[in-house]
Amino acid sequence: MLQLQEQEIFHLIQEATGHNTSDLQEDTALFSSGIMDSLAMLDLISLVEKKLKIRIPPQDIHLGNLDSVNKIQKYLSSRT
């Protein structure tokens, strides 16, 4: 099971977007709230892949898996 702690994910989001994440909650919708655009999403994916030494397949790259800290944690924990 792959995991990142909430704070690690918040840090990666801040790195990918330049957005101060101190006001975000674990269930804040990153894309639909405008915090993240498609380029920042790709940056975040790249950062997660590097941190965990994994490859996220294209079919897994969608808002259902990546639109909040909770969704990212759930997606990563579902990977074996």
N, C-alpha and C. Protein backbone atom coordinates (compact mmCIF):
# COMPACT_ATOMS: atom_id res chain seq x y z
N MET A 1 0.85 -1.18 0.00
CA MET A 1 0.00 0.00 0.00
C MET A 1 0.90 1.25 0.00
N LEU A 2 0.56 2.17 -0.88
CA LEU A 2 1.30 3.42 -0.97
C LEU A 2 0.60 4.48 -0.13
N GLN A 3 1.39 5.28 0.56
CA GLN A 3 0.78 6.33 1.38
C GLN A 3 1.65 7.57 1.43
N LEU A 4 0.96 8.69 1.51
CA LEU A 4 1.56 9.96 1.86
C LEU A 4 0.72 10.55 2.98
N GLN A 5 1.36 11.14 3.94
CA GLN A 5 0.64 11.81 5.02
C GLN A 5 -0.02 13.08 4.48
N GLU A 6 -1.09 13.51 5.14
CA GLU A 6 -1.81 14.72 4.70
C GLU A 6 -0.87 15.89 4.50
N GLN A 7 0.00 16.13 5.46
CA GLN A 7 0.91 17.28 5.38
C GLN A 7 1.84 17.17 4.18
N GLU A 8 2.26 15.95 3.85
CA GLU A 8 3.11 15.77 2.67
C GLU A 8 2.35 16.13 1.40
N ILE A 9 1.08 15.74 1.33
CA ILE A 9 0.27 16.06 0.15
C ILE A 9 0.04 17.56 0.07
N PHE A 10 -0.29 18.20 1.19
CA PHE A 10 -0.46 19.65 1.20
C PHE A 10 0.82 20.34 0.70
N HIS A 11 1.96 19.86 1.15
CA HIS A 11 3.24 20.44 0.71
C HIS A 11 3.42 20.28 -0.80
N LEU A 12 3.10 19.11 -1.34
CA LEU A 12 3.23 18.88 -2.78
C LEU A 12 2.26 19.76 -3.57
N ILE A 13 1.05 19.95 -3.03
CA ILE A 13 0.08 20.84 -3.68
C ILE A 13 0.62 22.26 -3.71
N GLN A 14 1.17 22.71 -2.60
CA GLN A 14 1.74 24.06 -2.54
C GLN A 14 2.89 24.20 -3.53
N GLU A 15 3.72 23.16 -3.63
CA GLU A 15 4.84 23.19 -4.57
C GLU A 15 4.34 23.24 -6.02
N ALA A 16 3.28 22.49 -6.32
CA ALA A 16 2.76 22.42 -7.69
C ALA A 16 2.01 23.68 -8.10
N THR A 17 1.35 24.33 -7.12
CA THR A 17 0.46 25.44 -7.46
C THR A 17 0.98 26.81 -7.04
N GLY A 18 1.86 26.84 -6.05
CA GLY A 18 2.28 28.12 -5.48
C GLY A 18 1.23 28.69 -4.53
N HIS A 19 0.14 27.94 -4.30
CA HIS A 19 -0.96 28.37 -3.44
C HIS A 19 -0.65 28.01 -1.99
N ASN A 20 -0.86 28.96 -1.08
CA ASN A 20 -0.71 28.68 0.34
C ASN A 20 -1.79 27.70 0.76
N THR A 21 -1.40 26.54 1.24
CA THR A 21 -2.36 25.49 1.55
C THR A 21 -2.85 25.53 3.00
N SER A 22 -2.45 26.51 3.77
CA SER A 22 -2.85 26.55 5.18
C SER A 22 -4.36 26.72 5.36
N ASP A 23 -5.04 27.26 4.35
CA ASP A 23 -6.49 27.45 4.46
C ASP A 23 -7.29 26.32 3.82
N LEU A 24 -6.62 25.27 3.35
CA LEU A 24 -7.31 24.16 2.71
C LEU A 24 -7.68 23.08 3.72
N GLN A 25 -8.75 22.40 3.42
CA GLN A 25 -9.17 21.23 4.20
C GLN A 25 -8.86 19.98 3.39
N GLU A 26 -8.94 18.83 4.02
CA GLU A 26 -8.65 17.57 3.34
C GLU A 26 -9.62 17.28 2.21
N ASP A 27 -10.84 17.83 2.30
CA ASP A 27 -11.86 17.56 1.28
C ASP A 27 -12.09 18.75 0.33
N THR A 28 -11.22 19.77 0.39
CA THR A 28 -11.34 20.91 -0.53
C THR A 28 -11.13 20.42 -1.96
N ALA A 29 -12.07 20.76 -2.84
CA ALA A 29 -11.96 20.39 -4.26
C ALA A 29 -10.91 21.28 -4.91
N LEU A 30 -9.80 20.70 -5.27
CA LEU A 30 -8.66 21.47 -5.76
C LEU A 30 -8.89 22.04 -7.15
N PHE A 31 -9.46 21.26 -8.04
CA PHE A 31 -9.62 21.69 -9.42
C PHE A 31 -10.82 22.60 -9.59
N SER A 32 -11.98 22.18 -9.10
CA SER A 32 -13.19 22.99 -9.30
C SER A 32 -13.18 24.28 -8.50
N SER A 33 -12.37 24.36 -7.45
CA SER A 33 -12.26 25.60 -6.67
C SER A 33 -11.27 26.58 -7.30
N GLY A 34 -10.55 26.14 -8.33
CA GLY A 34 -9.60 27.01 -9.01
C GLY A 34 -8.21 27.02 -8.40
N ILE A 35 -7.99 26.24 -7.36
CA ILE A 35 -6.66 26.17 -6.75
C ILE A 35 -5.67 25.53 -7.72
N MET A 36 -6.17 24.56 -8.46
CA MET A 36 -5.31 23.81 -9.37
C MET A 36 -5.90 23.83 -10.77
N ASP A 37 -5.05 24.05 -11.76
CA ASP A 37 -5.48 23.92 -13.15
C ASP A 37 -4.83 22.66 -13.72
N SER A 38 -5.03 22.41 -15.00
CA SER A 38 -4.54 21.16 -15.59
C SER A 38 -3.01 21.06 -15.55
N LEU A 39 -2.32 22.17 -15.73
CA LEU A 39 -0.85 22.13 -15.66
C LEU A 39 -0.36 21.86 -14.25
N ALA A 40 -0.99 22.48 -13.27
CA ALA A 40 -0.62 22.23 -11.87
C ALA A 40 -0.93 20.78 -11.49
N MET A 41 -2.03 20.23 -12.04
CA MET A 41 -2.37 18.83 -11.77
C MET A 41 -1.26 17.92 -12.30
N LEU A 42 -0.76 18.21 -13.49
CA LEU A 42 0.34 17.41 -14.04
C LEU A 42 1.60 17.55 -13.18
N ASP A 43 1.86 18.76 -12.70
CA ASP A 43 3.00 18.97 -11.79
C ASP A 43 2.83 18.16 -10.52
N LEU A 44 1.63 18.17 -9.95
CA LEU A 44 1.37 17.41 -8.73
C LEU A 44 1.57 15.91 -8.98
N ILE A 45 1.05 15.42 -10.08
CA ILE A 45 1.21 14.00 -10.41
C ILE A 45 2.70 13.66 -10.51
N SER A 46 3.45 14.50 -11.18
CA SER A 46 4.89 14.27 -11.31
C SER A 46 5.58 14.25 -9.94
N LEU A 47 5.21 15.18 -9.07
CA LEU A 47 5.80 15.23 -7.73
C LEU A 47 5.47 13.98 -6.92
N VAL A 48 4.22 13.53 -7.00
CA VAL A 48 3.81 12.31 -6.29
C VAL A 48 4.58 11.11 -6.83
N GLU A 49 4.68 11.02 -8.16
CA GLU A 49 5.40 9.90 -8.77
C GLU A 49 6.86 9.88 -8.31
N LYS A 50 7.50 11.03 -8.28
CA LYS A 50 8.90 11.09 -7.86
C LYS A 50 9.04 10.74 -6.38
N LYS A 51 8.15 11.27 -5.56
CA LYS A 51 8.23 11.04 -4.11
C LYS A 51 8.07 9.56 -3.76
N LEU A 52 7.12 8.90 -4.44
CA LEU A 52 6.82 7.50 -4.12
C LEU A 52 7.51 6.51 -5.06
N LYS A 53 8.22 7.05 -6.06
CA LYS A 53 8.88 6.19 -7.05
C LYS A 53 7.88 5.24 -7.71
N ILE A 54 6.79 5.84 -8.20
CA ILE A 54 5.75 5.07 -8.88
C ILE A 54 5.42 5.75 -10.20
N ARG A 55 4.58 5.09 -10.97
CA ARG A 55 4.04 5.67 -12.20
C ARG A 55 2.53 5.63 -12.07
N ILE A 56 1.88 6.76 -12.22
CA ILE A 56 0.41 6.81 -12.20
C ILE A 56 -0.05 6.66 -13.65
N PRO A 57 -0.78 5.58 -13.95
CA PRO A 57 -1.19 5.36 -15.34
C PRO A 57 -2.21 6.41 -15.80
N PRO A 58 -2.19 6.73 -17.10
CA PRO A 58 -3.09 7.77 -17.63
C PRO A 58 -4.56 7.54 -17.29
N GLN A 59 -5.00 6.29 -17.27
CA GLN A 59 -6.42 6.02 -16.98
C GLN A 59 -6.79 6.35 -15.53
N ASP A 60 -5.80 6.51 -14.66
CA ASP A 60 -6.06 6.86 -13.26
C ASP A 60 -6.03 8.37 -13.01
N ILE A 61 -5.68 9.13 -14.03
CA ILE A 61 -5.56 10.58 -13.87
C ILE A 61 -6.91 11.22 -14.17
N HIS A 62 -7.70 11.39 -13.12
CA HIS A 62 -9.00 12.05 -13.23
C HIS A 62 -9.38 12.61 -11.86
N LEU A 63 -10.37 13.49 -11.86
CA LEU A 63 -10.75 14.18 -10.62
C LEU A 63 -11.23 13.23 -9.54
N GLY A 64 -11.79 12.11 -9.92
CA GLY A 64 -12.24 11.14 -8.93
C GLY A 64 -11.11 10.64 -8.05
N ASN A 65 -9.89 10.68 -8.56
CA ASN A 65 -8.73 10.23 -7.80
C ASN A 65 -7.87 11.35 -7.24
N LEU A 66 -7.98 12.55 -7.82
CA LEU A 66 -6.96 13.56 -7.54
C LEU A 66 -7.49 14.95 -7.17
N ASP A 67 -8.78 15.10 -6.90
CA ASP A 67 -9.33 16.44 -6.70
C ASP A 67 -9.32 16.93 -5.26
N SER A 68 -8.80 16.14 -4.34
CA SER A 68 -8.68 16.59 -2.95
C SER A 68 -7.60 15.76 -2.27
N VAL A 69 -7.16 16.21 -1.13
CA VAL A 69 -6.18 15.45 -0.36
C VAL A 69 -6.76 14.09 0.01
N ASN A 70 -8.03 14.06 0.43
CA ASN A 70 -8.67 12.79 0.77
C ASN A 70 -8.68 11.83 -0.41
N LYS A 71 -9.03 12.35 -1.59
CA LYS A 71 -9.10 11.49 -2.78
C LYS A 71 -7.71 10.98 -3.18
N ILE A 72 -6.72 11.82 -3.04
CA ILE A 72 -5.35 11.40 -3.35
C ILE A 72 -4.92 10.29 -2.39
N GLN A 73 -5.18 10.47 -1.11
CA GLN A 73 -4.84 9.44 -0.13
C GLN A 73 -5.58 8.14 -0.41
N LYS A 74 -6.87 8.23 -0.71
CA LYS A 74 -7.66 7.03 -1.00
C LYS A 74 -7.12 6.32 -2.24
N TYR A 75 -6.82 7.09 -3.28
CA TYR A 75 -6.28 6.49 -4.51
C TYR A 75 -4.96 5.79 -4.22
N LEU A 76 -4.04 6.46 -3.54
CA LEU A 76 -2.74 5.87 -3.28
C LEU A 76 -2.86 4.62 -2.41
N SER A 77 -3.74 4.64 -1.43
CA SER A 77 -3.88 3.47 -0.55
C SER A 77 -4.52 2.30 -1.28
N SER A 78 -5.24 2.56 -2.38
CA SER A 78 -5.86 1.48 -3.14
C SER A 78 -4.86 0.78 -4.06
N ARG A 79 -3.73 1.41 -4.28
CA ARG A 79 -2.70 0.80 -5.14
C ARG A 79 -1.89 -0.20 -4.35
N THR A 80 -1.57 -1.29 -4.98
CA THR A 80 -0.79 -2.32 -4.28
C THR A 80 0.64 -2.32 -4.71
